[in-house]
Protein backbone atom coordinates (compact mmCIF):
# COMPACT_ATOMS: atom_id res chain seq x y z
CA MET A 1 180.29 202.16 250.18
CA TYR A 2 176.48 202.56 250.12
CA THR A 3 174.46 205.61 249.13
CA LEU A 4 170.57 205.72 249.29
CA GLU A 5 168.84 208.85 248.07
CA HIS A 6 165.07 209.27 248.68
CA VAL A 7 164.38 205.58 248.29
CA SER A 8 160.78 204.34 248.50
CA LYS A 9 159.41 201.00 247.79
CA THR A 10 155.73 200.12 247.34
CA TYR A 11 154.12 196.80 246.73
CA ALA A 12 150.60 195.88 245.30
CA GLN A 13 148.82 193.57 247.70
CA SER A 14 145.29 192.65 246.51
CA LYS A 15 143.71 196.13 245.88
CA ARG A 16 146.00 197.97 248.33
CA ARG A 17 149.46 199.54 248.01
CA ILE A 18 151.87 198.77 250.70
CA THR A 19 154.70 201.10 251.43
CA ALA A 20 157.65 199.11 252.63
CA LEU A 21 160.29 202.03 252.45
CA GLN A 22 159.49 205.68 252.61
CA ASP A 23 161.93 208.34 251.45
CA VAL A 24 165.00 206.76 252.99
CA SER A 25 168.29 208.56 252.54
CA LEU A 26 171.59 207.34 254.13
CA THR A 27 175.20 206.53 253.56
CA ILE A 28 177.11 203.67 254.89
CA PRO A 29 180.86 204.08 254.79
CA LYS A 30 183.22 201.24 253.76
CA GLY A 31 184.21 199.07 256.72
CA GLN A 32 181.42 200.02 258.99
CA LEU A 33 179.40 197.54 261.24
CA VAL A 34 175.77 198.62 261.19
CA ALA A 35 172.81 196.99 262.91
CA ILE A 36 169.25 197.56 261.61
CA GLN A 37 166.39 197.10 264.12
CA GLY A 38 162.67 197.59 264.00
CA PRO A 39 159.29 195.78 264.38
CA THR A 40 158.21 192.97 262.05
CA GLY A 41 156.84 194.42 258.86
CA GLY A 42 158.64 197.79 259.51
CA GLY A 43 160.77 197.43 256.36
CA LYS A 44 164.06 195.84 257.56
CA SER A 45 164.01 193.00 255.08
CA THR A 46 163.09 195.36 252.24
CA LEU A 47 165.97 197.62 253.05
CA LEU A 48 168.31 194.60 253.07
CA GLN A 49 167.13 193.49 249.78
CA MET A 50 167.94 196.89 248.43
CA LEU A 51 171.36 196.72 249.87
CA GLY A 52 171.84 193.16 248.56
CA ALA A 53 170.93 194.05 244.96
CA LEU A 54 167.92 191.69 245.32
CA ASP A 55 165.20 194.30 244.64
CA ARG A 56 165.02 197.85 243.20
CA PRO A 57 163.32 201.00 244.64
CA SER A 58 160.07 202.23 243.22
CA ILE A 59 161.52 205.71 243.62
CA GLY A 60 165.07 206.93 244.46
CA ARG A 61 168.65 205.78 243.98
CA VAL A 62 170.69 202.88 245.62
CA ALA A 63 174.44 202.84 244.83
CA LEU A 64 177.10 200.43 245.97
CA GLY A 65 180.31 202.28 245.32
CA GLU A 66 180.12 203.46 241.66
CA ALA A 67 177.47 200.79 240.81
CA GLU A 68 173.93 202.23 240.51
CA LEU A 69 171.89 199.16 241.87
CA SER A 70 168.61 200.83 240.99
CA HIS A 71 169.28 201.12 237.27
CA LEU A 72 171.71 198.19 236.32
CA PRO A 73 170.36 195.24 234.22
CA ASP A 74 169.47 192.03 236.10
CA ARG A 75 172.63 190.10 234.71
CA ARG A 76 174.97 192.79 236.12
CA LEU A 77 173.13 192.81 239.49
CA ALA A 78 173.53 188.96 239.64
CA GLY A 79 177.29 189.45 239.05
CA ILE A 80 177.47 191.92 241.88
CA ARG A 81 175.69 189.53 244.26
CA ALA A 82 177.98 186.64 243.12
CA LYS A 83 181.19 188.54 243.60
CA GLU A 84 180.88 191.47 245.98
CA ILE A 85 178.12 190.63 248.49
CA GLY A 86 178.03 187.80 250.97
CA PHE A 87 174.64 186.70 252.55
CA VAL A 88 173.94 185.03 255.95
CA PHE A 89 170.44 184.11 256.77
CA GLN A 90 168.57 183.05 260.02
CA GLY A 91 167.77 179.60 258.55
CA PHE A 92 171.27 178.78 257.37
CA ASN A 93 170.08 177.71 254.00
CA LEU A 94 172.47 174.90 253.59
CA ILE A 95 171.99 172.11 251.19
CA PRO A 96 171.22 169.07 253.28
CA THR A 97 172.63 166.47 250.96
CA LEU A 98 176.06 168.29 250.59
CA THR A 99 178.96 168.26 253.13
CA ALA A 100 179.96 171.42 254.94
CA LEU A 101 182.92 171.74 252.53
CA GLU A 102 180.75 171.13 249.49
CA ASN A 103 178.21 173.75 250.71
CA VAL A 104 181.01 176.33 250.89
CA GLU A 105 182.26 175.55 247.53
CA THR A 106 178.84 176.13 246.00
CA ALA A 107 179.44 179.93 246.38
CA LEU A 108 182.48 179.75 243.97
CA GLU A 109 180.78 177.74 241.22
CA PRO A 110 179.13 180.79 239.42
CA LEU A 111 182.53 182.53 239.44
CA GLY A 112 184.15 179.88 237.22
CA VAL A 113 186.70 178.88 239.78
CA SER A 114 188.40 175.61 239.05
CA ALA A 115 187.53 172.57 241.18
CA ASP A 116 190.96 172.44 242.89
CA GLU A 117 190.84 176.02 243.73
CA ARG A 118 187.29 175.85 244.96
CA ARG A 119 188.30 172.96 247.35
CA ARG A 120 191.37 174.93 248.56
CA ARG A 121 189.53 178.10 249.24
CA ALA A 122 186.50 176.39 250.94
CA THR A 123 188.89 174.41 253.15
CA GLU A 124 190.53 177.73 254.23
CA ALA A 125 187.22 179.37 254.70
CA LEU A 126 185.93 176.66 257.05
CA GLY A 127 189.23 176.82 258.93
CA SER A 128 188.69 180.57 259.38
CA VAL A 129 185.36 179.91 261.24
CA GLY A 130 186.72 177.17 263.30
CA LEU A 131 185.38 174.08 261.41
CA GLY A 132 188.53 172.80 259.78
CA ASP A 133 187.68 169.40 261.24
CA ARG A 134 184.04 169.31 260.13
CA GLY A 135 184.30 169.63 256.28
CA GLY A 136 183.04 166.07 255.74
CA HIS A 137 179.88 166.44 257.76
CA VAL A 138 176.41 167.02 256.32
CA PRO A 139 174.31 169.71 257.96
CA SER A 140 172.14 167.22 259.98
CA GLU A 141 175.39 166.16 261.78
CA LEU A 142 176.18 169.65 262.91
CA SER A 143 174.77 171.77 265.71
CA GLY A 144 172.85 174.99 264.80
CA GLY A 145 175.86 177.15 265.62
CA GLN A 146 178.06 174.98 263.54
CA GLN A 147 175.63 175.14 260.68
CA GLN A 148 175.76 179.05 260.94
CA ARG A 149 179.53 178.92 260.83
CA VAL A 150 179.37 176.94 257.55
CA ALA A 151 177.01 179.57 256.21
CA ILE A 152 179.37 182.36 257.22
CA ALA A 153 182.22 180.49 255.57
CA ARG A 154 180.19 180.14 252.39
CA ALA A 155 179.44 183.87 252.39
CA LEU A 156 183.09 184.76 252.88
CA VAL A 157 184.77 182.27 250.57
CA LYS A 158 184.27 184.63 247.62
CA GLU A 159 185.98 187.45 249.50
CA PRO A 160 183.21 189.92 249.32
CA ASP A 161 183.48 193.60 250.19
CA VAL A 162 180.01 193.43 252.01
CA LEU A 163 178.48 190.97 254.28
CA LEU A 164 174.72 191.16 254.91
CA ALA A 165 173.35 189.14 257.75
CA ASP A 166 169.62 188.76 258.32
CA GLU A 167 168.83 187.73 261.82
CA PRO A 168 171.99 185.60 261.87
CA THR A 169 171.44 184.53 265.52
CA GLY A 170 167.77 184.28 265.50
CA ASN A 171 167.71 180.43 265.74
CA LEU A 172 170.37 180.15 268.32
CA ASP A 173 170.66 180.05 272.05
CA GLU A 174 172.17 182.94 273.99
CA GLN A 175 175.70 181.42 274.30
CA THR A 176 175.78 180.27 270.65
CA ARG A 177 174.55 183.80 269.72
CA ASP A 178 177.41 185.42 271.46
CA ASP A 179 179.80 183.03 269.96
CA ILE A 180 178.48 183.87 266.44
CA MET A 181 178.63 187.48 266.96
CA ASP A 182 182.25 187.12 268.31
CA LEU A 183 183.13 185.38 265.14
CA LEU A 184 181.32 187.97 262.88
CA GLU A 185 182.93 190.83 264.70
CA GLY A 186 186.34 189.28 264.50
CA LEU A 187 186.03 188.64 260.74
CA TRP A 188 184.74 192.11 260.26
CA ARG A 189 187.87 193.63 262.02
CA ASP A 190 190.33 191.28 260.38
CA ARG A 191 189.02 191.58 256.85
CA GLY A 192 187.86 195.26 256.74
CA LEU A 193 184.33 194.16 255.67
CA THR A 194 181.28 196.38 255.64
CA LEU A 195 178.96 194.27 257.80
CA ILE A 196 175.29 195.00 258.02
CA VAL A 197 173.19 193.05 260.58
CA VAL A 198 169.39 192.97 260.70
CA THR A 199 168.37 191.85 264.21
CA HIS A 200 165.52 191.95 266.74
CA ASP A 201 168.09 191.30 269.47
CA SER A 202 169.28 194.44 271.36
CA ALA A 203 172.40 192.39 272.66
CA VAL A 204 173.39 191.91 269.08
CA ALA A 205 172.68 195.45 267.93
CA LYS A 206 174.62 197.13 270.75
CA ARG A 207 177.85 195.56 269.36
CA ALA A 208 177.56 197.59 266.23
CA GLU A 209 179.25 200.93 265.53
CA ARG A 210 176.08 202.30 264.28
CA ARG A 211 172.38 201.57 264.87
CA LEU A 212 169.54 202.28 262.51
CA HIS A 213 165.93 201.95 263.45
CA ILE A 214 163.23 201.31 260.83
CA ARG A 215 159.52 201.64 261.46
CA ASP A 216 156.76 202.09 258.93
CA GLY A 217 159.42 202.22 256.11
CA ALA A 218 161.19 205.24 257.70
CA VAL A 219 164.81 205.03 258.96
CA THR A 220 166.13 206.95 261.96
CA GLU A 221 169.50 206.81 263.73
CA ARG A 222 169.74 205.51 267.35
């Protein structure tokens, strides 16, 4: 699924050069559940941005299947993000004025899906995360766990090959965290997704098939 070869990423900050990733080489097979851990500022978010076609390496190669993410034009990368990669974030990132159903539908708008088909698929996606009866509620009427379920439905409605989750349980209590991870793990198994989770929480990380640790931009296996 993913191949990274000698990937480094540096940023200019004032008069300094910051190294966010340092000579990272790894492969992530299709269908694997991977946890990425490490201290704040260690490079986790930068690595996820590379995997999500949101940034390019300063040096090295990043490939998703046959697609060379490090060299494709911006328009092609946008197409890959829209069709092939689902994103789930710690802060949910829902549009507050839209209902849960409408929030899920937004993921299909860039794909040219008809209004009727968007509604059908969004309704099905909400049902798959246990919120079939909450489609008409706006985010402020939902709990944190329910909002994250809407965000997961939005990520999955386009039927991506990859789901990238950045601290998906970071704003949730322990019980809700476990519920969300049960949901993600079940969807991963049922759909054959490649699921990559960035987390500070060892209880989340231990559920993964594979654990990567990143510190000072360098990745090691745990």
